[in-house]
N, C-alpha and C. Protein backbone atom coordinates (compact mmCIF):
# COMPACT_ATOMS: atom_id res chain seq x y z
N MET A 1 -42.09 24.58 33.71
CA MET A 1 -41.76 23.82 32.65
C MET A 1 -40.91 24.61 31.69
N PHE A 2 -41.25 25.92 31.50
CA PHE A 2 -40.50 26.74 30.53
C PHE A 2 -39.13 27.06 31.12
N GLN A 3 -38.91 26.96 32.37
CA GLN A 3 -37.54 27.17 32.95
C GLN A 3 -36.68 26.03 32.57
N VAL A 4 -37.20 24.83 32.57
CA VAL A 4 -36.42 23.62 32.11
C VAL A 4 -36.15 23.74 30.66
N LEU A 5 -37.17 24.14 29.82
CA LEU A 5 -36.96 24.34 28.43
C LEU A 5 -35.88 25.33 28.16
N GLU A 6 -35.89 26.37 28.95
CA GLU A 6 -34.86 27.43 28.79
C GLU A 6 -33.51 26.89 28.89
N GLN A 7 -33.17 26.02 29.84
CA GLN A 7 -31.84 25.48 29.93
C GLN A 7 -31.44 24.71 28.62
N LEU A 8 -32.41 23.88 28.16
CA LEU A 8 -32.11 23.09 26.97
C LEU A 8 -31.96 23.98 25.78
N VAL A 9 -32.66 24.95 25.60
CA VAL A 9 -32.64 25.90 24.50
C VAL A 9 -31.33 26.70 24.55
N ARG A 10 -30.89 27.10 25.72
CA ARG A 10 -29.65 27.81 25.82
C ARG A 10 -28.35 26.89 25.45
N SER A 11 -28.50 25.58 25.85
CA SER A 11 -27.37 24.65 25.55
C SER A 11 -27.38 24.23 24.01
N THR A 12 -28.56 24.23 23.44
CA THR A 12 -28.51 23.74 22.03
C THR A 12 -28.53 24.96 21.04
N GLY A 13 -29.08 26.01 21.36
CA GLY A 13 -29.24 27.27 20.56
C GLY A 13 -30.68 27.31 19.96
N LYS A 14 -31.25 26.17 19.65
CA LYS A 14 -32.63 26.16 19.27
C LYS A 14 -33.24 24.72 19.48
N LEU A 15 -34.42 24.68 19.92
CA LEU A 15 -35.12 23.46 20.15
C LEU A 15 -36.49 23.40 19.54
N SER A 16 -36.74 22.39 18.73
CA SER A 16 -38.02 22.24 18.09
C SER A 16 -38.83 21.18 18.86
N VAL A 17 -40.06 21.56 19.17
CA VAL A 17 -40.91 20.68 19.93
C VAL A 17 -42.14 20.36 19.07
N THR A 18 -42.43 18.98 18.90
CA THR A 18 -43.55 18.62 18.07
C THR A 18 -44.47 17.80 18.97
N LEU A 19 -45.71 18.04 18.86
CA LEU A 19 -46.80 17.29 19.62
C LEU A 19 -47.72 16.63 18.64
N ARG A 20 -48.09 15.43 18.90
CA ARG A 20 -49.07 14.77 18.11
C ARG A 20 -49.73 13.63 18.90
N MET A 21 -50.92 13.34 18.37
CA MET A 21 -51.67 12.30 19.14
C MET A 21 -51.49 10.95 18.50
N ASP A 22 -51.37 9.90 19.20
CA ASP A 22 -51.29 8.44 18.73
C ASP A 22 -52.31 7.71 19.53
N GLY A 23 -53.66 7.79 18.93
CA GLY A 23 -54.69 7.19 19.73
C GLY A 23 -55.04 8.11 20.93
N ASP A 24 -54.99 7.48 22.17
CA ASP A 24 -55.24 8.16 23.35
C ASP A 24 -53.98 8.82 23.92
N GLN A 25 -52.85 8.36 23.36
CA GLN A 25 -51.61 8.88 23.89
C GLN A 25 -51.11 10.04 23.15
N MET A 26 -50.30 10.93 23.80
CA MET A 26 -49.65 11.98 23.18
C MET A 26 -48.21 11.64 23.02
N VAL A 27 -47.66 12.07 21.85
CA VAL A 27 -46.25 11.96 21.43
C VAL A 27 -45.63 13.30 21.59
N VAL A 28 -44.59 13.49 22.27
CA VAL A 28 -43.84 14.71 22.36
C VAL A 28 -42.44 14.44 21.90
N VAL A 29 -42.02 15.23 20.76
CA VAL A 29 -40.74 15.12 20.23
C VAL A 29 -39.92 16.47 20.39
N ALA A 30 -38.84 16.44 21.12
CA ALA A 30 -38.05 17.58 21.32
C ALA A 30 -36.66 17.37 20.48
N ILE A 31 -36.41 18.13 19.51
CA ILE A 31 -35.32 17.98 18.64
C ILE A 31 -34.40 19.22 18.84
N PRO A 32 -33.14 18.97 19.33
CA PRO A 32 -32.17 20.07 19.38
C PRO A 32 -31.60 20.35 17.94
N GLN A 33 -31.58 21.73 17.71
CA GLN A 33 -31.12 22.17 16.41
C GLN A 33 -29.85 22.88 16.69
N THR A 34 -28.81 22.29 16.29
CA THR A 34 -27.34 22.71 16.71
C THR A 34 -26.72 23.51 15.54
N ASP A 35 -27.36 23.73 14.46
CA ASP A 35 -26.84 24.54 13.29
C ASP A 35 -25.43 23.96 12.91
N GLY A 36 -25.32 22.70 12.89
CA GLY A 36 -24.03 22.01 12.47
C GLY A 36 -22.86 22.28 13.41
N LYS A 37 -23.10 22.78 14.57
CA LYS A 37 -21.91 22.88 15.52
C LYS A 37 -21.51 21.70 16.09
N ASP A 38 -22.49 20.80 16.39
CA ASP A 38 -22.13 19.52 17.01
C ASP A 38 -22.16 18.53 15.91
N LYS A 39 -20.99 17.97 15.70
CA LYS A 39 -20.79 16.93 14.70
C LYS A 39 -21.12 15.51 15.24
N GLU A 40 -21.18 15.32 16.52
CA GLU A 40 -21.48 14.15 17.26
C GLU A 40 -22.97 13.83 16.91
N ALA A 41 -23.18 12.68 16.47
CA ALA A 41 -24.57 12.25 16.06
C ALA A 41 -25.44 12.17 17.37
N ALA A 42 -24.82 11.72 18.44
CA ALA A 42 -25.61 11.52 19.72
C ALA A 42 -26.11 12.95 20.17
N LEU A 43 -25.45 13.96 19.87
CA LEU A 43 -25.96 15.30 20.37
C LEU A 43 -27.01 15.70 19.66
N ARG A 44 -27.40 15.20 18.50
CA ARG A 44 -28.51 15.68 17.70
C ARG A 44 -29.74 14.67 17.86
N GLN A 45 -29.62 13.69 18.78
CA GLN A 45 -30.59 12.73 19.09
C GLN A 45 -31.74 13.36 19.66
N PRO A 46 -32.98 13.23 19.15
CA PRO A 46 -34.24 13.86 19.79
C PRO A 46 -34.66 13.12 21.12
N LEU A 47 -35.40 13.83 21.90
CA LEU A 47 -36.11 13.21 23.00
C LEU A 47 -37.53 12.97 22.54
N VAL A 48 -37.98 11.71 22.58
CA VAL A 48 -39.31 11.29 22.25
C VAL A 48 -39.98 10.69 23.43
N LEU A 49 -41.09 11.26 23.92
CA LEU A 49 -41.84 10.83 24.98
C LEU A 49 -43.30 10.55 24.50
N THR A 50 -43.77 9.28 24.92
CA THR A 50 -45.14 8.96 24.50
C THR A 50 -45.89 8.52 25.81
N GLY A 51 -47.03 9.09 26.11
CA GLY A 51 -47.78 8.74 27.28
C GLY A 51 -49.07 9.45 27.26
N MET A 52 -49.81 9.07 28.25
CA MET A 52 -51.14 9.89 28.44
C MET A 52 -50.83 11.23 28.92
N PRO A 53 -51.77 12.09 28.49
CA PRO A 53 -51.45 13.67 28.77
C PRO A 53 -51.20 13.80 30.32
N ALA A 54 -51.95 13.15 31.17
CA ALA A 54 -51.86 13.29 32.58
C ALA A 54 -50.34 12.81 33.02
N GLU A 55 -49.85 11.72 32.41
CA GLU A 55 -48.51 11.19 32.65
C GLU A 55 -47.40 12.31 32.29
N LEU A 56 -47.67 12.83 31.06
CA LEU A 56 -46.74 13.78 30.54
C LEU A 56 -46.76 15.09 31.46
N ASP A 57 -47.90 15.45 31.99
CA ASP A 57 -47.96 16.59 32.84
C ASP A 57 -47.02 16.32 34.06
N ALA A 58 -47.14 15.10 34.61
CA ALA A 58 -46.49 14.89 35.83
C ALA A 58 -44.92 14.64 35.54
N GLY A 59 -44.49 14.03 34.46
CA GLY A 59 -43.12 13.59 34.21
C GLY A 59 -42.41 14.42 33.14
N PHE A 60 -43.03 15.34 32.38
CA PHE A 60 -42.32 15.97 31.27
C PHE A 60 -41.12 16.77 31.67
N ALA A 61 -41.41 17.57 32.75
CA ALA A 61 -40.32 18.48 33.24
C ALA A 61 -39.12 17.67 33.74
N GLU A 62 -39.42 16.55 34.44
CA GLU A 62 -38.37 15.65 34.94
C GLU A 62 -37.50 15.10 33.76
N ALA A 63 -38.31 14.62 32.71
CA ALA A 63 -37.62 13.97 31.62
C ALA A 63 -36.74 14.98 30.87
N LEU A 64 -37.26 16.26 30.76
CA LEU A 64 -36.41 17.17 30.11
C LEU A 64 -35.16 17.62 30.93
N VAL A 65 -35.23 17.65 32.22
CA VAL A 65 -34.08 17.79 33.06
C VAL A 65 -33.09 16.67 32.90
N SER A 66 -33.56 15.44 32.86
CA SER A 66 -32.68 14.31 32.70
C SER A 66 -32.06 14.33 31.32
N TYR A 67 -32.79 14.71 30.26
CA TYR A 67 -32.36 14.70 28.88
C TYR A 67 -31.30 15.80 28.75
N ALA A 68 -31.50 17.00 29.36
CA ALA A 68 -30.63 18.01 29.21
C ALA A 68 -29.32 17.80 30.02
N GLY A 69 -29.34 17.04 31.15
CA GLY A 69 -28.27 16.71 31.92
C GLY A 69 -27.40 15.64 31.16
N ALA A 70 -28.00 14.73 30.49
CA ALA A 70 -27.27 13.62 29.77
C ALA A 70 -26.69 14.33 28.57
N ARG A 71 -27.40 15.26 27.91
CA ARG A 71 -26.90 15.88 26.81
C ARG A 71 -25.60 16.79 27.08
N ARG A 72 -25.74 17.42 28.28
CA ARG A 72 -24.66 18.32 28.75
C ARG A 72 -23.43 17.44 29.09
N SER A 73 -23.71 16.32 29.77
CA SER A 73 -22.58 15.32 30.09
C SER A 73 -21.92 14.92 28.72
N LEU A 74 -22.74 14.57 27.75
CA LEU A 74 -22.12 14.11 26.47
C LEU A 74 -21.41 15.19 25.74
N VAL A 75 -21.86 16.42 25.87
CA VAL A 75 -21.07 17.68 25.30
C VAL A 75 -19.71 17.70 26.00
N GLU A 76 -19.74 17.59 27.28
CA GLU A 76 -18.52 17.67 28.05
C GLU A 76 -17.53 16.59 27.76
N GLN A 77 -18.02 15.35 27.51
CA GLN A 77 -17.24 14.18 27.12
C GLN A 77 -16.66 14.32 25.80
N VAL A 78 -17.50 14.91 24.87
CA VAL A 78 -16.94 15.14 23.50
C VAL A 78 -15.83 16.31 23.54
N ALA A 79 -16.17 17.29 24.34
CA ALA A 79 -15.17 18.38 24.38
C ALA A 79 -13.78 17.80 24.95
N ALA A 80 -13.85 16.93 26.09
CA ALA A 80 -12.72 16.48 26.68
C ALA A 80 -12.07 15.48 25.74
N THR A 81 -12.70 14.64 25.09
CA THR A 81 -12.11 13.77 24.04
C THR A 81 -11.38 14.52 22.93
N THR A 82 -12.13 15.51 22.39
CA THR A 82 -11.53 16.38 21.35
C THR A 82 -10.24 17.11 21.87
N ALA A 83 -10.29 17.62 23.13
CA ALA A 83 -9.05 18.17 23.54
C ALA A 83 -7.94 17.15 23.77
N ILE A 84 -8.20 15.94 24.17
CA ILE A 84 -7.14 14.94 24.27
C ILE A 84 -6.64 14.54 22.92
N ILE A 85 -7.50 14.46 21.88
CA ILE A 85 -7.10 14.08 20.61
C ILE A 85 -6.22 15.26 19.95
N GLN A 86 -6.60 16.43 20.20
CA GLN A 86 -5.78 17.60 19.69
C GLN A 86 -4.40 17.62 20.35
N ALA A 87 -4.41 17.44 21.61
CA ALA A 87 -3.05 17.42 22.37
C ALA A 87 -2.13 16.27 21.86
N ALA A 88 -2.77 15.12 21.60
CA ALA A 88 -1.91 13.99 21.03
C ALA A 88 -1.50 14.29 19.53
N GLU A 89 -2.28 14.99 18.81
CA GLU A 89 -1.88 15.29 17.41
C GLU A 89 -0.71 16.33 17.49
N GLN A 90 -0.79 17.26 18.40
CA GLN A 90 0.27 18.26 18.52
C GLN A 90 1.59 17.55 19.09
N ASP A 91 1.35 16.63 20.03
CA ASP A 91 2.60 15.93 20.55
C ASP A 91 3.31 15.13 19.45
N GLN A 92 2.40 14.40 18.68
CA GLN A 92 3.03 13.62 17.60
C GLN A 92 3.63 14.40 16.53
N ALA A 93 2.98 15.58 16.13
CA ALA A 93 3.73 16.44 15.21
C ALA A 93 4.99 17.06 15.72
N GLY A 94 5.05 17.30 17.01
CA GLY A 94 6.38 17.77 17.64
C GLY A 94 7.43 16.64 17.55
N LYS A 95 6.99 15.41 17.80
CA LYS A 95 7.93 14.31 17.76
C LYS A 95 8.44 14.14 16.42
N ALA A 96 7.54 14.18 15.41
CA ALA A 96 7.92 14.05 13.99
C ALA A 96 8.92 15.07 13.58
N LYS A 97 8.71 16.29 13.94
CA LYS A 97 9.61 17.38 13.61
C LYS A 97 10.94 17.09 14.16
N LYS A 98 11.06 16.76 15.49
CA LYS A 98 12.30 16.42 16.15
C LYS A 98 13.00 15.27 15.43
N THR A 99 12.35 14.25 14.99
CA THR A 99 12.91 13.16 14.41
C THR A 99 13.45 13.53 13.02
N ILE A 100 12.64 14.32 12.28
CA ILE A 100 13.07 14.73 10.96
C ILE A 100 14.29 15.56 11.09
N ALA A 101 14.31 16.53 12.04
CA ALA A 101 15.50 17.40 12.21
C ALA A 101 16.80 16.63 12.78
N LYS A 102 16.57 15.63 13.53
CA LYS A 102 17.67 14.83 14.07
C LYS A 102 18.22 13.92 13.02
N ASN A 103 17.44 13.30 12.04
CA ASN A 103 17.85 12.44 11.04
C ASN A 103 18.26 13.08 9.74
N SER A 104 18.11 14.34 9.61
CA SER A 104 18.42 14.99 8.35
C SER A 104 19.98 15.30 8.41
N LYS A 105 20.57 14.92 7.36
CA LYS A 105 22.07 15.05 7.19
C LYS A 105 22.29 15.95 5.96
N PRO A 106 23.37 16.70 6.06
CA PRO A 106 23.61 17.63 4.92
C PRO A 106 23.96 16.80 3.66
N ALA A 107 23.51 17.28 2.61
CA ALA A 107 23.77 16.50 1.31
C ALA A 107 25.17 16.64 0.86
N LEU A 108 25.77 15.46 0.40
CA LEU A 108 27.06 15.36 -0.05
C LEU A 108 27.21 15.79 -1.47
N PRO A 109 28.28 16.48 -1.94
CA PRO A 109 28.39 16.79 -3.24
C PRO A 109 28.48 15.56 -4.19
N ALA A 110 27.94 15.60 -5.40
CA ALA A 110 27.96 14.45 -6.26
C ALA A 110 29.53 14.27 -6.68
N PRO A 111 29.91 12.96 -6.83
CA PRO A 111 31.30 12.69 -7.25
C PRO A 111 31.51 13.14 -8.76
N SER A 112 32.77 13.53 -9.01
CA SER A 112 32.90 14.01 -10.35
C SER A 112 33.18 12.68 -11.25
N LYS A 113 33.13 12.80 -12.54
CA LYS A 113 33.34 11.67 -13.32
C LYS A 113 34.71 11.10 -13.27
N GLU A 114 35.64 11.90 -13.01
CA GLU A 114 37.04 11.49 -12.90
C GLU A 114 37.21 10.62 -11.63
N SER A 115 36.67 11.10 -10.49
CA SER A 115 36.82 10.29 -9.26
C SER A 115 36.04 8.94 -9.44
N THR A 116 34.94 8.95 -10.11
CA THR A 116 34.23 7.60 -10.28
C THR A 116 35.03 6.66 -11.15
N SER A 117 35.53 7.19 -12.19
CA SER A 117 36.28 6.25 -13.10
C SER A 117 37.50 5.81 -12.45
N ASN A 118 38.27 6.61 -11.74
CA ASN A 118 39.43 6.31 -10.98
C ASN A 118 39.11 5.26 -9.90
N GLY A 119 38.05 5.48 -9.22
CA GLY A 119 37.64 4.57 -8.12
C GLY A 119 37.34 3.19 -8.61
N GLU A 120 36.62 3.16 -9.77
CA GLU A 120 36.30 1.85 -10.39
C GLU A 120 37.63 1.17 -10.70
N ALA A 121 38.56 1.90 -11.33
CA ALA A 121 39.79 1.36 -11.69
C ALA A 121 40.60 0.78 -10.55
N GLU A 122 40.61 1.53 -9.35
CA GLU A 122 41.27 1.13 -8.19
C GLU A 122 40.61 -0.14 -7.65
N ASP A 123 39.24 -0.17 -7.72
CA ASP A 123 38.49 -1.34 -7.17
C ASP A 123 39.00 -2.68 -8.03
N GLU A 124 38.99 -2.47 -9.40
CA GLU A 124 39.44 -3.62 -10.21
C GLU A 124 40.77 -4.01 -9.92
N ASP A 125 41.75 -3.07 -9.58
CA ASP A 125 43.05 -3.46 -9.24
C ASP A 125 43.14 -4.12 -7.97
N ASN A 126 42.31 -3.72 -7.00
CA ASN A 126 42.31 -4.40 -5.66
C ASN A 126 41.88 -5.71 -5.74
N GLU A 127 40.79 -5.98 -6.64
CA GLU A 127 40.23 -7.26 -6.75
C GLU A 127 41.41 -8.27 -7.37
N ALA A 128 42.07 -7.78 -8.24
CA ALA A 128 43.12 -8.59 -8.96
C ALA A 128 44.23 -8.91 -7.99
N GLU A 129 44.63 -7.98 -7.08
CA GLU A 129 45.67 -8.22 -6.07
C GLU A 129 45.15 -9.24 -4.94
N VAL A 130 43.85 -9.10 -4.64
CA VAL A 130 43.36 -9.94 -3.48
C VAL A 130 43.06 -11.34 -3.90
N GLY A 131 42.78 -11.49 -5.22
CA GLY A 131 42.46 -12.81 -5.63
C GLY A 131 43.55 -13.78 -5.46
N GLY A 132 44.84 -13.42 -5.67
CA GLY A 132 45.98 -14.32 -5.41
C GLY A 132 46.05 -15.37 -6.41
N ASN A 133 45.26 -15.57 -7.47
CA ASN A 133 45.20 -16.61 -8.29
C ASN A 133 46.07 -16.17 -9.51
N SER A 134 47.00 -16.95 -9.86
CA SER A 134 47.98 -16.64 -10.93
C SER A 134 47.28 -16.54 -12.33
N SER A 135 46.14 -17.25 -12.58
CA SER A 135 45.40 -17.02 -13.78
C SER A 135 44.75 -15.77 -13.99
N GLU A 136 44.25 -15.24 -12.76
CA GLU A 136 43.57 -13.87 -12.80
C GLU A 136 44.71 -12.86 -12.96
N ALA A 137 45.87 -13.01 -12.27
CA ALA A 137 46.84 -12.02 -12.39
C ALA A 137 47.40 -11.99 -13.82
N ALA A 138 47.38 -13.04 -14.62
CA ALA A 138 47.88 -13.11 -15.90
C ALA A 138 46.92 -12.62 -16.94
N GLY A 139 45.71 -12.18 -16.48
CA GLY A 139 44.75 -11.58 -17.36
C GLY A 139 43.61 -12.49 -17.67
N GLN A 140 43.71 -13.75 -17.24
CA GLN A 140 42.64 -14.76 -17.46
C GLN A 140 41.74 -14.55 -16.14
N SER A 141 40.42 -14.49 -16.53
CA SER A 141 39.44 -14.34 -15.31
C SER A 141 38.68 -15.69 -15.06
N SER A 142 38.49 -16.03 -13.82
CA SER A 142 37.83 -17.29 -13.43
C SER A 142 36.32 -16.95 -13.58
N PRO A 143 35.46 -17.94 -13.52
CA PRO A 143 34.02 -17.78 -13.60
C PRO A 143 33.55 -16.91 -12.47
N ALA A 144 34.14 -17.27 -11.27
CA ALA A 144 33.68 -16.40 -10.01
C ALA A 144 33.94 -15.00 -10.20
N ALA A 145 35.14 -14.61 -10.83
CA ALA A 145 35.41 -13.22 -10.99
C ALA A 145 34.51 -12.56 -12.00
N GLU A 146 34.15 -13.35 -13.05
CA GLU A 146 33.17 -12.79 -14.09
C GLU A 146 31.86 -12.53 -13.45
N VAL A 147 31.33 -13.40 -12.53
CA VAL A 147 29.99 -13.27 -11.85
C VAL A 147 30.15 -12.07 -11.00
N THR A 148 31.25 -11.82 -10.28
CA THR A 148 31.40 -10.71 -9.36
C THR A 148 31.46 -9.39 -10.13
N ALA A 149 32.14 -9.38 -11.34
CA ALA A 149 32.20 -8.22 -12.18
C ALA A 149 30.82 -7.92 -12.84
N ALA A 150 30.10 -9.01 -13.31
CA ALA A 150 28.81 -8.77 -13.85
C ALA A 150 27.72 -8.26 -12.84
N ALA A 151 27.88 -8.71 -11.52
CA ALA A 151 26.98 -8.27 -10.53
C ALA A 151 27.20 -6.86 -10.12
N LYS A 152 28.46 -6.29 -10.29
CA LYS A 152 28.75 -5.03 -9.84
C LYS A 152 28.15 -4.04 -10.82
N PRO A 153 27.24 -3.17 -10.33
CA PRO A 153 26.68 -2.18 -11.19
C PRO A 153 27.61 -1.00 -11.57
N ALA A 154 27.44 -0.57 -12.67
CA ALA A 154 28.21 0.61 -13.11
C ALA A 154 27.70 1.80 -12.43
N GLY A 155 28.52 2.82 -12.18
CA GLY A 155 28.17 4.10 -11.71
C GLY A 155 28.40 4.12 -10.12
N THR A 156 27.79 5.17 -9.50
CA THR A 156 28.06 5.44 -8.18
C THR A 156 27.12 4.51 -7.23
N ASP A 157 27.75 3.95 -6.18
CA ASP A 157 27.10 3.19 -5.28
C ASP A 157 26.44 4.14 -4.19
N MET A 158 25.03 4.25 -4.21
CA MET A 158 24.36 5.26 -3.30
C MET A 158 24.54 4.88 -1.89
N ASN A 159 24.64 3.71 -1.52
CA ASN A 159 24.93 3.30 -0.19
C ASN A 159 26.26 3.74 0.34
N SER A 160 27.21 3.78 -0.46
CA SER A 160 28.50 4.27 0.06
C SER A 160 28.48 5.72 0.29
N LEU A 161 27.68 6.45 -0.48
CA LEU A 161 27.54 7.85 -0.23
C LEU A 161 26.84 8.20 1.11
N LEU A 162 25.94 7.39 1.47
CA LEU A 162 25.07 7.65 2.71
C LEU A 162 25.94 7.18 3.93
N ASP A 163 26.77 6.32 3.82
CA ASP A 163 27.56 5.92 5.08
C ASP A 163 28.59 6.95 5.40
N LEU A 164 28.58 7.55 6.56
CA LEU A 164 29.53 8.40 6.99
C LEU A 164 30.55 7.98 7.94
């Protein structure tokens, strides 16, 4: 029996075993003490056996072997899942870095005040020429031209700076 316990103690680091009587039956509780290494709650799950002492004599070692095997399998599954998650995180981080590097564009210098004011004057001249309406050319503006002028924000159009 202690050889079976040795396997479980080696895999957990420490194993607490508690025995108590519940009427004529004996209750055996084996609790793995992982010292916080195993964050998975299922790995901290105790083995609880209740039975007559003769039954426990016959089946305790087998129950411990089964418990240790299931726990070892769970540890392996957690390790495999953790490895997969870490690999996926690294892959996604690499993809993000590539996307950022690919999409980063050098910053354009800010336009000077002269070019901004000249550009606005040119835009206004172009609007007057394109309109083709004699009242607009004569200095009178139509309601549509006033709405267009009012909707046009003053300053630099950031979208035009980003379009290359």
